[in-house]
Amino acid sequence: MGPLPGRMKGMVQMARGLVALVAAAVIFAGTVAEVVVMAIPRRR
């Protein structure tokens, strides 16, 4: 077990963090879009 497994573990953690960040951003954007789409017809 040299330095490679540690580097791989770090990369996996970084990738997981990025995926979680992207997923949260997509969910947030989708929620905001849904609220906006639902709010526009009621105003008009």
N, C-alpha and C. Protein backbone atom coordinates (compact mmCIF):
# COMPACT_ATOMS: atom_id res chain seq x y z
N MET A 1 0.85 -1.20 0.00
CA MET A 1 0.00 0.00 0.00
C MET A 1 0.88 1.25 0.00
N GLY A 2 1.11 1.81 -1.18
CA GLY A 2 1.95 3.00 -1.28
C GLY A 2 1.11 4.27 -1.27
N PRO A 3 1.60 5.32 -1.90
CA PRO A 3 0.88 6.60 -1.91
C PRO A 3 -0.32 6.60 -2.86
N LEU A 4 -0.39 5.60 -3.76
CA LEU A 4 -1.49 5.59 -4.73
C LEU A 4 -2.86 5.41 -4.09
N PRO A 5 -3.06 4.43 -3.17
CA PRO A 5 -4.39 4.25 -2.58
C PRO A 5 -4.89 5.51 -1.89
N GLY A 6 -3.99 6.20 -1.16
CA GLY A 6 -4.40 7.43 -0.48
C GLY A 6 -4.83 8.48 -1.48
N ARG A 7 -4.09 8.58 -2.58
CA ARG A 7 -4.43 9.57 -3.61
C ARG A 7 -5.79 9.22 -4.23
N MET A 8 -6.00 7.92 -4.47
CA MET A 8 -7.27 7.47 -5.06
C MET A 8 -8.43 7.79 -4.11
N LYS A 9 -8.21 7.55 -2.81
CA LYS A 9 -9.25 7.81 -1.82
C LYS A 9 -9.60 9.30 -1.82
N GLY A 10 -8.57 10.15 -1.88
CA GLY A 10 -8.81 11.59 -1.91
C GLY A 10 -9.58 12.00 -3.16
N MET A 11 -9.21 11.41 -4.29
CA MET A 11 -9.91 11.73 -5.54
C MET A 11 -11.37 11.29 -5.47
N VAL A 12 -11.59 10.11 -4.88
CA VAL A 12 -12.97 9.60 -4.75
C VAL A 12 -13.79 10.53 -3.87
N GLN A 13 -13.18 10.99 -2.75
CA GLN A 13 -13.89 11.90 -1.85
C GLN A 13 -14.20 13.21 -2.56
N MET A 14 -13.23 13.72 -3.34
CA MET A 14 -13.44 14.97 -4.08
C MET A 14 -14.56 14.79 -5.10
N ALA A 15 -14.55 13.65 -5.81
CA ALA A 15 -15.57 13.38 -6.82
C ALA A 15 -16.94 13.29 -6.15
N ARG A 16 -17.00 12.63 -4.98
CA ARG A 16 -18.28 12.51 -4.27
C ARG A 16 -18.78 13.89 -3.86
N GLY A 17 -17.86 14.73 -3.38
CA GLY A 17 -18.23 16.09 -2.98
C GLY A 17 -18.77 16.87 -4.16
N LEU A 18 -18.10 16.74 -5.31
CA LEU A 18 -18.55 17.45 -6.52
C LEU A 18 -19.93 16.97 -6.94
N VAL A 19 -20.12 15.64 -6.92
CA VAL A 19 -21.41 15.08 -7.32
C VAL A 19 -22.51 15.56 -6.39
N ALA A 20 -22.22 15.57 -5.08
CA ALA A 20 -23.22 16.03 -4.11
C ALA A 20 -23.54 17.50 -4.34
N LEU A 21 -22.50 18.29 -4.64
CA LEU A 21 -22.69 19.73 -4.88
C LEU A 21 -23.56 19.94 -6.12
N VAL A 22 -23.24 19.21 -7.19
CA VAL A 22 -24.01 19.34 -8.45
C VAL A 22 -25.45 18.90 -8.22
N ALA A 23 -25.63 17.79 -7.51
CA ALA A 23 -26.98 17.28 -7.27
C ALA A 23 -27.78 18.30 -6.47
N ALA A 24 -27.17 18.88 -5.44
CA ALA A 24 -27.86 19.88 -4.62
C ALA A 24 -28.22 21.10 -5.48
N ALA A 25 -27.29 21.52 -6.35
CA ALA A 25 -27.54 22.69 -7.21
C ALA A 25 -28.69 22.40 -8.17
N VAL A 26 -28.71 21.18 -8.74
CA VAL A 26 -29.77 20.80 -9.69
C VAL A 26 -31.12 20.77 -8.98
N ILE A 27 -31.14 20.18 -7.78
CA ILE A 27 -32.40 20.09 -7.02
C ILE A 27 -32.89 21.48 -6.65
N PHE A 28 -31.94 22.33 -6.20
CA PHE A 28 -32.30 23.70 -5.81
C PHE A 28 -32.84 24.47 -7.01
N ALA A 29 -32.14 24.36 -8.16
CA ALA A 29 -32.57 25.06 -9.37
C ALA A 29 -33.94 24.55 -9.81
N GLY A 30 -34.16 23.24 -9.73
CA GLY A 30 -35.43 22.66 -10.12
C GLY A 30 -36.56 23.15 -9.22
N THR A 31 -36.29 23.23 -7.91
CA THR A 31 -37.30 23.71 -6.96
C THR A 31 -37.65 25.16 -7.26
N VAL A 32 -36.61 25.99 -7.47
CA VAL A 32 -36.83 27.41 -7.76
C VAL A 32 -37.63 27.56 -9.04
N ALA A 33 -37.26 26.79 -10.08
CA ALA A 33 -37.97 26.87 -11.36
C ALA A 33 -39.43 26.46 -11.18
N GLU A 34 -39.65 25.42 -10.39
CA GLU A 34 -41.02 24.95 -10.17
C GLU A 34 -41.85 26.03 -9.48
N VAL A 35 -41.27 26.66 -8.46
CA VAL A 35 -41.97 27.72 -7.71
C VAL A 35 -42.28 28.88 -8.65
N VAL A 36 -41.31 29.27 -9.47
CA VAL A 36 -41.51 30.39 -10.40
C VAL A 36 -42.61 30.05 -11.41
N VAL A 37 -42.56 28.83 -11.97
CA VAL A 37 -43.55 28.42 -12.97
C VAL A 37 -44.94 28.38 -12.34
N MET A 38 -45.04 27.96 -11.09
CA MET A 38 -46.34 27.89 -10.43
C MET A 38 -46.83 29.27 -10.04
N ALA A 39 -45.91 30.20 -9.77
CA ALA A 39 -46.29 31.53 -9.28
C ALA A 39 -46.71 32.46 -10.43
N ILE A 40 -46.14 32.27 -11.62
CA ILE A 40 -46.39 33.20 -12.73
C ILE A 40 -47.88 33.20 -13.15
N PRO A 41 -48.51 32.01 -13.37
CA PRO A 41 -49.91 32.04 -13.82
C PRO A 41 -50.85 32.66 -12.78
N ARG A 42 -50.55 32.51 -11.50
CA ARG A 42 -51.43 33.05 -10.45
C ARG A 42 -51.37 34.57 -10.45
N ARG A 43 -50.19 35.13 -10.74
CA ARG A 43 -50.08 36.60 -10.77
C ARG A 43 -50.88 37.16 -11.93
N ARG A 44 -50.82 36.47 -13.07
CA ARG A 44 -51.58 36.94 -14.23
C ARG A 44 -52.99 36.40 -14.12
